[in-house]
Amino acid sequence: MTRVVLGSASAGRLRVLQQAGIDPLVVVSDVDEEAIIDAMDPDTPPEAVVAKLANAKAVDVAAKLSADVTADCVVLGCDTMLYLDGQLRGKPGTADAALHQWRAMAGSTGHLLTGHALLRISSGVITHTGSETGSTTMHFAKPTVDELAAYVVSGEPVHVAGAFTLDGLGGWFIDRISGDPSNVIGISLPLVRSMLAAAELSVADLWP
């Protein structure tokens, strides 16, 4: 059976795949995301930025795999960022940055972009590559001062893309979304299914 390799440390992405019947091998990439972004043309479209990051992660992970895995596998690389007010926003990294970002997000609309890269590997050779970006429109609520302070103190928004989650505490502050919810968690099931089909694989063949 074709092995699925998830090139991400994201618990959310892993959970989405596991709930959808796939138990992937998790191998985390070591790419320097900031260096990759800095090397891009400043006019690179936001959809292309996350796609390039996802591809870099997939390629890095593929190079780490053992021969028994690369005999027949699919490597999935993903990168998620929020596009808001003409800027891409990743993980805040600090509580102050998360608070500042939420003050900008509250009551506004943004686009959660997740770049997806798929590498099909057979007998140690990459036989197919695919790259797509999923976009989900987010309509953010306006948390009260106390709610926002408590959310930041929880630590959740500090280390997640866009400073929020849909499937965690941040879900309280999302009024509605337009698009694929799994894309918001970090990996779009409909998009991955179409990418697998392009690689001549059926998602049903990957279920144990």
Foldseek 3Di string as FASTA:
>chain_A
DAAEEEQDPQPLLQVVQVVVQFRHHYHHFDDDLVVLVVPDDPPPDPLVSFQVVQVVSQVRRLVVDDQVNLQWYKYKGKDKWKQDPNDTFFAQQALVSLLVLVVRQAQDKIKIKMKIWMFTGHSSDGPDIDIGIDIKMWGWHHDDPVLSVVLSVVVQLRGGHSRAACPDPRVVGTPDMGGANSVRSIDGPVVVQVVCVVVVHHVVVNRD
